[in-house]
Structures are given as structure tokens and as C-alpha cells.
């Protein structure tokens, strides 16, 4: 089973944007990002906030490509 940080990394890869920037956009401290990268567990609620930031960016980008 993949960790939350691995899943978020895979989600953010196609955007070309650093995962840390999505953590910032979600209002999650960068220290949480670094702890997760170092192997500490990430809460589901935190992972969802970052996932929402990635999804929001992806949808906004897709919408602007069609305009």
C-alpha cells in the first residue's frame, strides 16, 4: 500500500509543480511536508487538504486551456 505522501507525489507529478507548493497552497506548514518526506505518517485530513489543492489547480488549468 502506498503512503499518502507517495500518492500525493504521484498526483502532483503531471502538473510540473512542486508538491511543497501544494502543501503551502493548502495552508499546511512546510514542516509537515518535510516530516512526511522523512517517513513520518501524514494524517488523512492533511492529505485531503493537499489533494484538494492539487485537484483545484488541475481543474483550473484544464478550464483555462479550453477558454
C-alpha atoms as a PDB file:
ATOM      1  CA  UNK A   1       0.000   0.000   0.000  1.00  0.00           C
ATOM      2  CA  UNK A   2       1.309   3.434  -0.944  1.00  0.00           C
ATOM      3  CA  UNK A   3       1.718   6.078   1.730  1.00  0.00           C
ATOM      4  CA  UNK A   4      -0.204   9.340   1.498  1.00  0.00           C
ATOM      5  CA  UNK A   5       2.959  11.228   0.575  1.00  0.00           C
ATOM      6  CA  UNK A   6       3.648   8.798  -2.295  1.00  0.00           C
ATOM      7  CA  UNK A   7       0.092   9.179  -3.565  1.00  0.00           C
ATOM      8  CA  UNK A   8       0.287  12.968  -3.383  1.00  0.00           C
ATOM      9  CA  UNK A   9       3.656  12.941  -5.149  1.00  0.00           C
ATOM     10  CA  UNK A  10       2.142  10.871  -7.963  1.00  0.00           C
ATOM     11  CA  UNK A  11      -0.853  13.216  -8.190  1.00  0.00           C
ATOM     12  CA  UNK A  12       1.286  16.341  -8.392  1.00  0.00           C
ATOM     13  CA  UNK A  13       3.842  14.971 -10.871  1.00  0.00           C
ATOM     14  CA  UNK A  14       1.809  15.675 -14.052  1.00  0.00           C
ATOM     15  CA  UNK A  15       1.293  19.307 -13.010  1.00  0.00           C
ATOM     16  CA  UNK A  16       5.014  20.069 -13.027  1.00  0.00           C
ATOM     17  CA  UNK A  17       4.595  21.937  -9.730  1.00  0.00           C
ATOM     18  CA  UNK A  18       6.479  21.063  -6.561  1.00  0.00           C
ATOM     19  CA  UNK A  19       4.424  19.139  -4.020  1.00  0.00           C
ATOM     20  CA  UNK A  20       5.681  21.528  -1.355  1.00  0.00           C
ATOM     21  CA  UNK A  21       3.926  24.399  -3.148  1.00  0.00           C
ATOM     22  CA  UNK A  22       0.657  22.466  -2.967  1.00  0.00           C
ATOM     23  CA  UNK A  23       1.220  21.992   0.772  1.00  0.00           C
ATOM     24  CA  UNK A  24       1.640  25.779   1.073  1.00  0.00           C
ATOM     25  CA  UNK A  25      -1.439  26.439  -1.057  1.00  0.00           C
ATOM     26  CA  UNK A  26      -3.447  24.087   1.170  1.00  0.00           C
ATOM     27  CA  UNK A  27      -2.331  26.007   4.250  1.00  0.00           C
ATOM     28  CA  UNK A  28      -0.277  23.105   5.574  1.00  0.00           C
ATOM     29  CA  UNK A  29       3.069  24.007   7.153  1.00  0.00           C
ATOM     30  CA  UNK A  30       6.160  23.113   5.159  1.00  0.00           C
ATOM     31  CA  UNK A  31       7.483  21.317   8.236  1.00  0.00           C
ATOM     32  CA  UNK A  32       4.679  18.786   7.769  1.00  0.00           C
ATOM     33  CA  UNK A  33       5.852  18.245   4.191  1.00  0.00           C
ATOM     34  CA  UNK A  34       9.421  17.628   5.311  1.00  0.00           C
ATOM     35  CA  UNK A  35       8.335  15.280   8.101  1.00  0.00           C
ATOM     36  CA  UNK A  36       6.236  13.257   5.648  1.00  0.00           C
ATOM     37  CA  UNK A  37       9.134  13.085   3.186  1.00  0.00           C
ATOM     38  CA  UNK A  38      11.338  11.821   6.041  1.00  0.00           C
ATOM     39  CA  UNK A  39       8.959   8.910   6.597  1.00  0.00           C
ATOM     40  CA  UNK A  40       6.608  10.182   9.306  1.00  0.00           C
ATOM     41  CA  UNK A  41       2.913   9.469   8.906  1.00  0.00           C
ATOM     42  CA  UNK A  42       0.632  12.063   7.373  1.00  0.00           C
ATOM     43  CA  UNK A  43      -2.917  12.447   8.656  1.00  0.00           C
ATOM     44  CA  UNK A  44      -5.733  11.654   6.269  1.00  0.00           C
ATOM     45  CA  UNK A  45      -7.240  15.113   6.835  1.00  0.00           C
ATOM     46  CA  UNK A  46      -3.924  16.746   5.912  1.00  0.00           C
ATOM     47  CA  UNK A  47      -3.523  14.569   2.826  1.00  0.00           C
ATOM     48  CA  UNK A  48      -7.044  15.522   1.731  1.00  0.00           C
ATOM     49  CA  UNK A  49      -6.277  19.235   2.035  1.00  0.00           C
ATOM     50  CA  UNK A  50      -3.250  18.840  -0.223  1.00  0.00           C
ATOM     51  CA  UNK A  51      -5.199  16.595  -2.595  1.00  0.00           C
ATOM     52  CA  UNK A  52      -7.875  19.286  -2.858  1.00  0.00           C
ATOM     53  CA  UNK A  53      -5.202  21.878  -3.696  1.00  0.00           C
ATOM     54  CA  UNK A  54      -3.776  19.633  -6.444  1.00  0.00           C
ATOM     55  CA  UNK A  55      -7.231  18.864  -7.844  1.00  0.00           C
ATOM     56  CA  UNK A  56      -8.250  22.518  -7.752  1.00  0.00           C
ATOM     57  CA  UNK A  57      -5.102  23.530  -9.629  1.00  0.00           C
ATOM     58  CA  UNK A  58      -5.573  20.769 -12.210  1.00  0.00           C
ATOM     59  CA  UNK A  59      -9.220  21.672 -12.825  1.00  0.00           C
ATOM     60  CA  UNK A  60      -8.442  25.379 -13.091  1.00  0.00           C
ATOM     61  CA  UNK A  61      -5.652  24.672 -15.538  1.00  0.00           C
ATOM     62  CA  UNK A  62      -7.879  22.394 -17.622  1.00  0.00           C
ATOM     63  CA  UNK A  63     -10.615  25.048 -17.721  1.00  0.00           C
ATOM     64  CA  UNK A  64      -8.195  27.747 -18.863  1.00  0.00           C
ATOM     65  CA  UNK A  65      -6.931  25.509 -21.676  1.00  0.00           C
ATOM     66  CA  UNK A  66     -10.460  25.354 -23.105  1.00  0.00           C
ATOM     67  CA  UNK A  67     -11.067  29.105 -22.978  1.00  0.00           C
END
